[in-house]
Each structure stands twice: as C-alpha cells, then as structure tokens.
C-alpha atoms as a PDB file:
ATOM      1  CA  UNK A   1      -0.079  -0.183  -0.337  1.00  0.00           C
ATOM      2  CA  UNK A   2       0.881   3.648  -0.575  1.00  0.00           C
ATOM      3  CA  UNK A   3       2.474   5.586   1.733  1.00  0.00           C
ATOM      4  CA  UNK A   4       0.750   8.537   1.998  1.00  0.00           C
ATOM      5  CA  UNK A   5       2.570  12.103   3.436  1.00  0.00           C
ATOM      6  CA  UNK A   6      -0.602  13.696   6.045  1.00  0.00           C
ATOM      7  CA  UNK A   7       0.798  17.030   8.354  1.00  0.00           C
ATOM      8  CA  UNK A   8      -0.720  17.248  11.973  1.00  0.00           C
ATOM      9  CA  UNK A   9      -1.796  20.042  13.680  1.00  0.00           C
ATOM     10  CA  UNK A  10      -4.020  20.797  16.828  1.00  0.00           C
ATOM     11  CA  UNK A  11      -3.913  19.830  20.883  1.00  0.00           C
ATOM     12  CA  UNK A  12      -7.082  17.824  20.851  1.00  0.00           C
ATOM     13  CA  UNK A  13      -8.024  14.009  21.859  1.00  0.00           C
ATOM     14  CA  UNK A  14      -9.977  14.295  19.221  1.00  0.00           C
ATOM     15  CA  UNK A  15      -9.272  13.123  15.728  1.00  0.00           C
ATOM     16  CA  UNK A  16     -10.412  15.036  12.760  1.00  0.00           C
ATOM     17  CA  UNK A  17      -9.285  14.171   9.460  1.00  0.00           C
ATOM     18  CA  UNK A  18      -9.592  16.649   6.180  1.00  0.00           C
ATOM     19  CA  UNK A  19     -10.456  15.852   2.579  1.00  0.00           C
ATOM     20  CA  UNK A  20     -10.524  18.480   0.366  1.00  0.00           C
ATOM     21  CA  UNK A  21     -12.233  18.773  -3.201  1.00  0.00           C
ATOM     22  CA  UNK A  22     -11.352  18.304  -6.995  1.00  0.00           C
ATOM     23  CA  UNK A  23      -8.607  20.029  -8.497  1.00  0.00           C
ATOM     24  CA  UNK A  24      -7.270  21.494  -4.781  1.00  0.00           C
ATOM     25  CA  UNK A  25      -5.389  20.650  -2.142  1.00  0.00           C
ATOM     26  CA  UNK A  26      -5.360  20.787   1.961  1.00  0.00           C
ATOM     27  CA  UNK A  27      -4.212  24.428   1.952  1.00  0.00           C
ATOM     28  CA  UNK A  28      -7.973  24.912   1.227  1.00  0.00           C
ATOM     29  CA  UNK A  29      -8.715  24.242   5.396  1.00  0.00           C
ATOM     30  CA  UNK A  30      -6.490  27.455   6.271  1.00  0.00           C
ATOM     31  CA  UNK A  31      -8.737  29.223   8.285  1.00  0.00           C
ATOM     32  CA  UNK A  32     -10.811  26.806   9.848  1.00  0.00           C
ATOM     33  CA  UNK A  33      -7.499  25.276  11.083  1.00  0.00           C
ATOM     34  CA  UNK A  34      -6.626  28.562  12.978  1.00  0.00           C
ATOM     35  CA  UNK A  35      -9.776  28.295  15.371  1.00  0.00           C
ATOM     36  CA  UNK A  36     -10.188  24.346  15.719  1.00  0.00           C
ATOM     37  CA  UNK A  37      -6.804  23.554  16.528  1.00  0.00           C
ATOM     38  CA  UNK A  38      -7.380  23.682  19.853  1.00  0.00           C
ATOM     39  CA  UNK A  39      -9.629  21.588  20.212  1.00  0.00           C
ATOM     40  CA  UNK A  40      -8.986  18.598  18.134  1.00  0.00           C
ATOM     41  CA  UNK A  41      -5.720  16.394  16.577  1.00  0.00           C
ATOM     42  CA  UNK A  42      -6.200  18.065  12.902  1.00  0.00           C
ATOM     43  CA  UNK A  43      -4.948  15.444  10.064  1.00  0.00           C
ATOM     44  CA  UNK A  44      -4.193  17.698   6.749  1.00  0.00           C
ATOM     45  CA  UNK A  45      -4.489  15.309   3.285  1.00  0.00           C
ATOM     46  CA  UNK A  46      -3.863  15.522   0.301  1.00  0.00           C
ATOM     47  CA  UNK A  47      -5.872  12.843  -1.893  1.00  0.00           C
ATOM     48  CA  UNK A  48      -3.886  10.931  -4.188  1.00  0.00           C
ATOM     49  CA  UNK A  49      -2.314  13.327  -7.207  1.00  0.00           C
ATOM     50  CA  UNK A  50      -2.945  16.384  -5.280  1.00  0.00           C
ATOM     51  CA  UNK A  51      -0.117  18.395  -2.322  1.00  0.00           C
ATOM     52  CA  UNK A  52       1.990  17.014  -1.007  1.00  0.00           C
ATOM     53  CA  UNK A  53       0.895  13.474  -2.627  1.00  0.00           C
ATOM     54  CA  UNK A  54       1.488  14.782  -6.283  1.00  0.00           C
ATOM     55  CA  UNK A  55       3.810  11.269  -6.761  1.00  0.00           C
ATOM     56  CA  UNK A  56       0.960   9.088  -5.899  1.00  0.00           C
ATOM     57  CA  UNK A  57      -1.723   8.011  -8.226  1.00  0.00           C
ATOM     58  CA  UNK A  58      -5.235   6.395  -8.017  1.00  0.00           C
ATOM     59  CA  UNK A  59      -7.150   5.018 -11.002  1.00  0.00           C
ATOM     60  CA  UNK A  60     -10.696   4.920  -9.507  1.00  0.00           C
ATOM     61  CA  UNK A  61     -12.262   6.001  -5.979  1.00  0.00           C
ATOM     62  CA  UNK A  62     -11.756   2.695  -5.038  1.00  0.00           C
ATOM     63  CA  UNK A  63      -7.844   3.195  -4.950  1.00  0.00           C
ATOM     64  CA  UNK A  64      -8.555   6.360  -3.008  1.00  0.00           C
ATOM     65  CA  UNK A  65     -10.400   4.895  -0.497  1.00  0.00           C
ATOM     66  CA  UNK A  66      -8.213   1.808   0.465  1.00  0.00           C
ATOM     67  CA  UNK A  67      -5.094   4.134   0.511  1.00  0.00           C
ATOM     68  CA  UNK A  68      -6.915   6.931   2.878  1.00  0.00           C
ATOM     69  CA  UNK A  69      -8.264   3.529   5.294  1.00  0.00           C
ATOM     70  CA  UNK A  70      -4.389   1.918   5.313  1.00  0.00           C
ATOM     71  CA  UNK A  71      -2.840   5.399   6.256  1.00  0.00           C
ATOM     72  CA  UNK A  72      -5.349   7.248   8.588  1.00  0.00           C
ATOM     73  CA  UNK A  73      -6.760   6.564  12.188  1.00  0.00           C
ATOM     74  CA  UNK A  74      -9.527   4.486  12.909  1.00  0.00           C
ATOM     75  CA  UNK A  75     -12.388   6.253  15.333  1.00  0.00           C
ATOM     76  CA  UNK A  76     -11.889   9.690  13.791  1.00  0.00           C
ATOM     77  CA  UNK A  77     -14.579  12.552  12.760  1.00  0.00           C
ATOM     78  CA  UNK A  78     -13.995  12.843   8.854  1.00  0.00           C
ATOM     79  CA  UNK A  79     -14.882  15.878   6.627  1.00  0.00           C
ATOM     80  CA  UNK A  80     -15.042  15.469   2.940  1.00  0.00           C
ATOM     81  CA  UNK A  81     -16.000  18.927   1.269  1.00  0.00           C
ATOM     82  CA  UNK A  82     -17.641  18.048  -2.517  1.00  0.00           C
ATOM     83  CA  UNK A  83     -15.677  15.185  -3.755  1.00  0.00           C
ATOM     84  CA  UNK A  84     -14.142  14.524  -0.840  1.00  0.00           C
ATOM     85  CA  UNK A  85     -17.981  14.359   0.791  1.00  0.00           C
ATOM     86  CA  UNK A  86     -18.376  11.646  -1.389  1.00  0.00           C
ATOM     87  CA  UNK A  87     -15.352   9.453  -0.995  1.00  0.00           C
ATOM     88  CA  UNK A  88     -15.610   9.216   2.677  1.00  0.00           C
ATOM     89  CA  UNK A  89     -19.393   8.342   2.431  1.00  0.00           C
ATOM     90  CA  UNK A  90     -18.540   5.752   0.118  1.00  0.00           C
ATOM     91  CA  UNK A  91     -15.161   4.659   2.417  1.00  0.00           C
ATOM     92  CA  UNK A  92     -18.080   4.221   5.305  1.00  0.00           C
ATOM     93  CA  UNK A  93     -20.083   2.051   3.331  1.00  0.00           C
ATOM     94  CA  UNK A  94     -17.052  -0.716   2.518  1.00  0.00           C
ATOM     95  CA  UNK A  95     -15.332   0.321   6.245  1.00  0.00           C
ATOM     96  CA  UNK A  96     -18.100   0.974   8.344  1.00  0.00           C
ATOM     97  CA  UNK A  97     -16.098   0.254  11.393  1.00  0.00           C
ATOM     98  CA  UNK A  98     -13.292   3.012  10.895  1.00  0.00           C
ATOM     99  CA  UNK A  99     -15.000   6.363  10.784  1.00  0.00           C
ATOM    100  CA  UNK A 100     -16.538   7.560  13.809  1.00  0.00           C
ATOM    101  CA  UNK A 101     -18.916  10.927  11.916  1.00  0.00           C
ATOM    102  CA  UNK A 102     -18.335  12.268   8.744  1.00  0.00           C
ATOM    103  CA  UNK A 103     -19.173  15.902   8.261  1.00  0.00           C
ATOM    104  CA  UNK A 104     -20.068  16.542   4.278  1.00  0.00           C
ATOM    105  CA  UNK A 105     -19.188  19.944   2.734  1.00  0.00           C
ATOM    106  CA  UNK A 106     -21.479  20.872   0.095  1.00  0.00           C
ATOM    107  CA  UNK A 107     -20.994  18.117  -1.101  1.00  0.00           C
ATOM    108  CA  UNK A 108     -23.625  15.059  -2.490  1.00  0.00           C
ATOM    109  CA  UNK A 109     -24.857  11.174  -2.732  1.00  0.00           C
ATOM    110  CA  UNK A 110     -24.832  11.891  -6.384  1.00  0.00           C
ATOM    111  CA  UNK A 111     -23.446  14.919  -7.929  1.00  0.00           C
ATOM    112  CA  UNK A 112     -25.084  14.648 -11.080  1.00  0.00           C
ATOM    113  CA  UNK A 113     -28.764  15.709 -12.780  1.00  0.00           C
ATOM    114  CA  UNK A 114     -30.645  12.753 -12.453  1.00  0.00           C
ATOM    115  CA  UNK A 115     -34.666  12.119 -13.073  1.00  0.00           C
ATOM    116  CA  UNK A 116     -36.630  13.695  -9.214  1.00  0.00           C
ATOM    117  CA  UNK A 117     -32.602  13.730  -8.450  1.00  0.00           C
ATOM    118  CA  UNK A 118     -31.300  17.498  -8.377  1.00  0.00           C
ATOM    119  CA  UNK A 119     -27.641  18.343 -10.196  1.00  0.00           C
ATOM    120  CA  UNK A 120     -25.446  19.654 -12.079  1.00  0.00           C
ATOM    121  CA  UNK A 121     -25.311  18.430 -16.042  1.00  0.00           C
ATOM    122  CA  UNK A 122     -22.980  16.918 -17.612  1.00  0.00           C
ATOM    123  CA  UNK A 123     -22.089  19.394 -20.368  1.00  0.00           C
ATOM    124  CA  UNK A 124     -21.377  21.761 -17.130  1.00  0.00           C
ATOM    125  CA  UNK A 125     -18.925  18.867 -15.260  1.00  0.00           C
ATOM    126  CA  UNK A 126     -17.413  18.564 -18.688  1.00  0.00           C
ATOM    127  CA  UNK A 127     -17.604  22.432 -18.878  1.00  0.00           C
ATOM    128  CA  UNK A 128     -15.126  22.527 -15.400  1.00  0.00           C
ATOM    129  CA  UNK A 129     -13.185  19.721 -16.219  1.00  0.00           C
ATOM    130  CA  UNK A 130     -12.062  21.160 -20.084  1.00  0.00           C
ATOM    131  CA  UNK A 131     -11.208  24.577 -18.076  1.00  0.00           C
ATOM    132  CA  UNK A 132      -8.949  22.419 -15.192  1.00  0.00           C
ATOM    133  CA  UNK A 133      -7.061  21.347 -18.659  1.00  0.00           C
ATOM    134  CA  UNK A 134      -7.025  24.105 -20.481  1.00  0.00           C
ATOM    135  CA  UNK A 135      -5.546  26.229 -17.814  1.00  0.00           C
ATOM    136  CA  UNK A 136      -5.676  25.237 -14.234  1.00  0.00           C
ATOM    137  CA  UNK A 137      -4.624  28.340 -12.276  1.00  0.00           C
ATOM    138  CA  UNK A 138      -6.754  30.669 -14.064  1.00  0.00           C
ATOM    139  CA  UNK A 139     -10.203  28.042 -13.958  1.00  0.00           C
ATOM    140  CA  UNK A 140      -8.968  27.377  -9.711  1.00  0.00           C
ATOM    141  CA  UNK A 141      -8.181  31.149  -9.261  1.00  0.00           C
ATOM    142  CA  UNK A 142     -11.807  32.345 -11.093  1.00  0.00           C
ATOM    143  CA  UNK A 143     -13.737  30.029  -9.526  1.00  0.00           C
ATOM    144  CA  UNK A 144     -12.166  30.969  -5.576  1.00  0.00           C
ATOM    145  CA  UNK A 145     -12.161  34.412  -6.396  1.00  0.00           C
ATOM    146  CA  UNK A 146     -16.807  33.809  -6.715  1.00  0.00           C
ATOM    147  CA  UNK A 147     -16.615  32.319  -3.866  1.00  0.00           C
ATOM    148  CA  UNK A 148     -15.162  35.286  -1.403  1.00  0.00           C
ATOM    149  CA  UNK A 149     -16.962  37.832  -3.566  1.00  0.00           C
ATOM    150  CA  UNK A 150     -18.297  39.184  -0.692  1.00  0.00           C
ATOM    151  CA  UNK A 151     -16.623  38.364   2.066  1.00  0.00           C
ATOM    152  CA  UNK A 152     -14.805  41.664   2.679  1.00  0.00           C
ATOM    153  CA  UNK A 153     -11.584  40.147   4.784  1.00  0.00           C
ATOM    154  CA  UNK A 154     -10.951  37.472   2.691  1.00  0.00           C
ATOM    155  CA  UNK A 155     -10.973  39.766  -0.459  1.00  0.00           C
ATOM    156  CA  UNK A 156      -8.623  42.357   1.430  1.00  0.00           C
ATOM    157  CA  UNK A 157      -6.515  39.359   1.717  1.00  0.00           C
ATOM    158  CA  UNK A 158      -7.225  38.135  -1.525  1.00  0.00           C
ATOM    159  CA  UNK A 159      -3.658  37.484  -3.409  1.00  0.00           C
ATOM    160  CA  UNK A 160      -2.334  36.181  -0.074  1.00  0.00           C
ATOM    161  CA  UNK A 161      -5.263  33.760  -0.057  1.00  0.00           C
ATOM    162  CA  UNK A 162      -5.411  32.423  -3.433  1.00  0.00           C
ATOM    163  CA  UNK A 163      -1.067  32.114  -2.714  1.00  0.00           C
ATOM    164  CA  UNK A 164      -2.028  29.755   0.358  1.00  0.00           C
ATOM    165  CA  UNK A 165      -4.415  27.482  -1.509  1.00  0.00           C
ATOM    166  CA  UNK A 166      -3.050  27.370  -4.799  1.00  0.00           C
ATOM    167  CA  UNK A 167       0.598  28.375  -5.539  1.00  0.00           C
ATOM    168  CA  UNK A 168       2.414  26.456  -2.256  1.00  0.00           C
ATOM    169  CA  UNK A 169       2.442  22.889  -4.685  1.00  0.00           C
ATOM    170  CA  UNK A 170       2.615  21.637  -8.161  1.00  0.00           C
ATOM    171  CA  UNK A 171      -0.904  21.338  -9.708  1.00  0.00           C
ATOM    172  CA  UNK A 172      -2.451  17.676 -10.177  1.00  0.00           C
ATOM    173  CA  UNK A 173      -1.545  16.096 -13.412  1.00  0.00           C
ATOM    174  CA  UNK A 174      -3.638  15.835 -16.116  1.00  0.00           C
ATOM    175  CA  UNK A 175      -4.923  12.085 -15.182  1.00  0.00           C
ATOM    176  CA  UNK A 176      -5.651  12.894 -11.238  1.00  0.00           C
ATOM    177  CA  UNK A 177      -8.015  15.917 -12.940  1.00  0.00           C
ATOM    178  CA  UNK A 178      -9.707  13.486 -15.496  1.00  0.00           C
ATOM    179  CA  UNK A 179      -9.746  10.326 -12.774  1.00  0.00           C
ATOM    180  CA  UNK A 180     -11.410  12.124 -10.119  1.00  0.00           C
ATOM    181  CA  UNK A 181     -14.061  14.131 -13.007  1.00  0.00           C
ATOM    182  CA  UNK A 182     -15.056  10.453 -13.522  1.00  0.00           C
ATOM    183  CA  UNK A 183     -15.858  10.228  -9.660  1.00  0.00           C
ATOM    184  CA  UNK A 184     -18.038  12.879  -9.620  1.00  0.00           C
ATOM    185  CA  UNK A 185     -19.627  11.642 -12.960  1.00  0.00           C
ATOM    186  CA  UNK A 186     -19.765   7.439 -12.059  1.00  0.00           C
ATOM    187  CA  UNK A 187     -19.937   7.551  -7.996  1.00  0.00           C
ATOM    188  CA  UNK A 188     -23.380   7.484  -7.680  1.00  0.00           C
ATOM    189  CA  UNK A 189     -24.360   5.978  -3.727  1.00  0.00           C
ATOM    190  CA  UNK A 190     -27.963   6.779  -3.509  1.00  0.00           C
ATOM    191  CA  UNK A 191     -29.047   3.062  -2.994  1.00  0.00           C
ATOM    192  CA  UNK A 192     -26.393   2.475  -0.575  1.00  0.00           C
ATOM    193  CA  UNK A 193     -26.902   5.599   1.448  1.00  0.00           C
ATOM    194  CA  UNK A 194     -28.912   4.064   4.051  1.00  0.00           C
ATOM    195  CA  UNK A 195     -26.232   1.682   4.696  1.00  0.00           C
ATOM    196  CA  UNK A 196     -24.004   4.612   6.746  1.00  0.00           C
ATOM    197  CA  UNK A 197     -25.176   4.035  10.676  1.00  0.00           C
ATOM    198  CA  UNK A 198     -22.569   6.272  11.411  1.00  0.00           C
ATOM    199  CA  UNK A 199     -23.631   9.894  12.679  1.00  0.00           C
ATOM    200  CA  UNK A 200     -23.029  12.069   9.676  1.00  0.00           C
ATOM    201  CA  UNK A 201     -24.128  15.521   8.284  1.00  0.00           C
ATOM    202  CA  UNK A 202     -24.836  17.407   5.953  1.00  0.00           C
ATOM    203  CA  UNK A 203     -23.570  20.684   5.563  1.00  0.00           C
ATOM    204  CA  UNK A 204     -24.955  23.274   2.088  1.00  0.00           C
ATOM    205  CA  UNK A 205     -24.697  26.996   0.624  1.00  0.00           C
ATOM    206  CA  UNK A 206     -28.018  28.811  -0.289  1.00  0.00           C
ATOM    207  CA  UNK A 207     -26.434  29.832  -3.089  1.00  0.00           C
ATOM    208  CA  UNK A 208     -24.239  26.785  -4.190  1.00  0.00           C
ATOM    209  CA  UNK A 209     -23.695  26.843  -8.129  1.00  0.00           C
ATOM    210  CA  UNK A 210     -22.856  23.156  -7.682  1.00  0.00           C
ATOM    211  CA  UNK A 211     -24.628  21.199  -4.838  1.00  0.00           C
ATOM    212  CA  UNK A 212     -28.567  22.907  -5.327  1.00  0.00           C
ATOM    213  CA  UNK A 213     -29.534  23.264  -2.136  1.00  0.00           C
ATOM    214  CA  UNK A 214     -33.051  21.478  -2.106  1.00  0.00           C
ATOM    215  CA  UNK A 215     -31.171  18.188  -1.731  1.00  0.00           C
ATOM    216  CA  UNK A 216     -31.415  18.757   2.062  1.00  0.00           C
ATOM    217  CA  UNK A 217     -35.449  18.130   1.943  1.00  0.00           C
ATOM    218  CA  UNK A 218     -34.227  14.906  -0.049  1.00  0.00           C
ATOM    219  CA  UNK A 219     -31.912  14.008   2.376  1.00  0.00           C
ATOM    220  CA  UNK A 220     -34.109  14.847   5.383  1.00  0.00           C
ATOM    221  CA  UNK A 221     -37.159  13.240   4.648  1.00  0.00           C
ATOM    222  CA  UNK A 222     -35.915  10.343   2.312  1.00  0.00           C
ATOM    223  CA  UNK A 223     -32.529   9.082   3.779  1.00  0.00           C
ATOM    224  CA  UNK A 224     -33.621  10.455   7.307  1.00  0.00           C
ATOM    225  CA  UNK A 225     -30.146  12.458   7.340  1.00  0.00           C
ATOM    226  CA  UNK A 226     -29.201  15.727   9.177  1.00  0.00           C
ATOM    227  CA  UNK A 227     -28.685  18.597   6.746  1.00  0.00           C
ATOM    228  CA  UNK A 228     -28.458  22.367   7.491  1.00  0.00           C
ATOM    229  CA  UNK A 229     -27.798  25.103   5.271  1.00  0.00           C
ATOM    230  CA  UNK A 230     -25.623  28.451   5.739  1.00  0.00           C
ATOM    231  CA  UNK A 231     -27.324  31.272   3.445  1.00  0.00           C
ATOM    232  CA  UNK A 232     -25.529  33.453   1.115  1.00  0.00           C
ATOM    233  CA  UNK A 233     -23.258  31.098   0.817  1.00  0.00           C
ATOM    234  CA  UNK A 234     -21.806  29.098  -1.919  1.00  0.00           C
ATOM    235  CA  UNK A 235     -19.483  25.827  -2.685  1.00  0.00           C
ATOM    236  CA  UNK A 236     -16.663  27.198  -0.315  1.00  0.00           C
ATOM    237  CA  UNK A 237     -17.660  27.756   3.497  1.00  0.00           C
ATOM    238  CA  UNK A 238     -14.632  27.057   5.201  1.00  0.00           C
ATOM    239  CA  UNK A 239     -13.848  30.117   3.567  1.00  0.00           C
ATOM    240  CA  UNK A 240     -16.482  32.513   3.347  1.00  0.00           C
ATOM    241  CA  UNK A 241     -18.255  31.484   6.121  1.00  0.00           C
ATOM    242  CA  UNK A 242     -15.555  30.200   8.265  1.00  0.00           C
ATOM    243  CA  UNK A 243     -16.482  31.020  11.231  1.00  0.00           C
ATOM    244  CA  UNK A 244     -20.435  29.659  10.673  1.00  0.00           C
ATOM    245  CA  UNK A 245     -19.189  26.107   9.383  1.00  0.00           C
ATOM    246  CA  UNK A 246     -16.448  25.659  12.421  1.00  0.00           C
ATOM    247  CA  UNK A 247     -19.490  26.048  15.039  1.00  0.00           C
ATOM    248  CA  UNK A 248     -21.160  23.164  12.774  1.00  0.00           C
ATOM    249  CA  UNK A 249     -17.863  21.250  13.016  1.00  0.00           C
ATOM    250  CA  UNK A 250     -17.838  21.590  17.030  1.00  0.00           C
ATOM    251  CA  UNK A 251     -21.943  20.963  18.106  1.00  0.00           C
ATOM    252  CA  UNK A 252     -20.874  18.043  15.717  1.00  0.00           C
ATOM    253  CA  UNK A 253     -18.789  16.621  17.958  1.00  0.00           C
ATOM    254  CA  UNK A 254     -20.295  17.924  21.472  1.00  0.00           C
ATOM    255  CA  UNK A 255     -23.645  16.383  20.119  1.00  0.00           C
ATOM    256  CA  UNK A 256     -22.748  13.315  17.385  1.00  0.00           C
ATOM    257  CA  UNK A 257     -25.221  10.947  19.333  1.00  0.00           C
ATOM    258  CA  UNK A 258     -27.817  13.416  17.767  1.00  0.00           C
ATOM    259  CA  UNK A 259     -26.891  12.214  14.413  1.00  0.00           C
ATOM    260  CA  UNK A 260     -27.513   8.280  14.440  1.00  0.00           C
END
C-alpha cells in the first residue's frame, strides 16, 4: 500500500480528518485550522495526485478509499468537501467500523442531475474539466474569487489567500483531474446511503453553483439524514463562512449521538 503524507496539527484529543475537493489540496482548510486546532488533532490530507501526495496515483474511487483507509487513524471524525464528502461516504459503506462520524460540506450522494434528483449536468461538469485541463491556475483562481467576492476580510487579503491555497504546490496532473472527474460523474451512492449507520451531517450553501441546496430536503425526508444550509453561501464555506462552519463542526463533535 502506498504511503500517504499527512500533516498533523492541533492539541485536541479527538482526531479530525479533512479531505479536500476536486482540483485543490489541503491548504483550503487554513482558516478553520486556526479555529479548531485546540479542539482536535487535525489530519490534513492531500488526496492522491494532489499537493504533497502529487507523486501518488489513484485510478478510481476504490484505490483512493484503500489508500486513505490504510494511512489514517480509526475512530476519527472525517470532514469531506465536495468530492471529498462523496469519497468518505463511500469509505464508510465499505469500511463501516473505521469512522466515528462524517461531516459532508457542499457534497452529495450523487453529483449528476437525474430524474427526481437535483445536480449538475454532464455538460457543466465537462466544462469545468475542460477549463482545468486548458488552464488549471486560471480556472481555480476564478472559482475561488467567486466564493470570496462578498467576504471583506478575504477580499482584503485575496492575493495572499489565493497563494496559500493554490501556488504552494505543483498542480495536479491531467490524469488526476480526469480520474477525479470520472468519480464525480460515475459515483452514485443513493441506494447505499442508508447503509451508513454512523453519525453523519450534511452542510449546504444556499447559492452553491455546484450542489443544489434542495438536496437537503431529500436527505431529510427520504434518507433521514440531518442537513443544514448556510445562508448567502456558495460552494466553499470554509473560506466564505468559516466561523459558521466551525460552529457546526464543534456542535457535531459535542452532540454526535444526535446524528445517528
């Protein structure tokens, strides 16, 4: 099994594992790390092909899950953003005894729009993929700027913020971007979601261009999963609404038994 680099910060006794989304790396969490590092031992993970794990390749979601499973502690709270939430939800289905709880941030059991299911179109997903392939840095830059455009603090330090997230590491390879796009396009765990018996919480943004927030009602009524919406929030609440997000994470930690 390939050895995954994992950075650990914080002084808390509860393990918190942070899994980023498509095209990014673990630097996206820099704001919430500053707030949560006294409450958790935080494990900052770059997925295979990204950041400090740029040299590790994963062909599909099952490869990624096995690499995470064999390199990270059991009995931890896992936080997954976007595709990261999809990956850890699938991990919980395959390895149900290794996770204490899941917090899915602007994620979904199925990203693609289907009959009676809200999501993004294949065309929109392909457009995002093509933009990343043509000019990775411009694509990531433009999306980040949209997420922080109304946040005065982050706007003031926009260049510094973008540098922290993007330019510290080499960009992911084309094959990594393509393989992750396939995970988004092909993974659908709706039929298996009720197999997840561990505590799980979903957090959405009400102006998210990727994940429609009306998935919240489906998760509550059909799957009995607790879901919350952050107002005036897009796809990256850990940047635009990090104080609110941290309150949800701490609430989950304190009241984890409520989310079973």
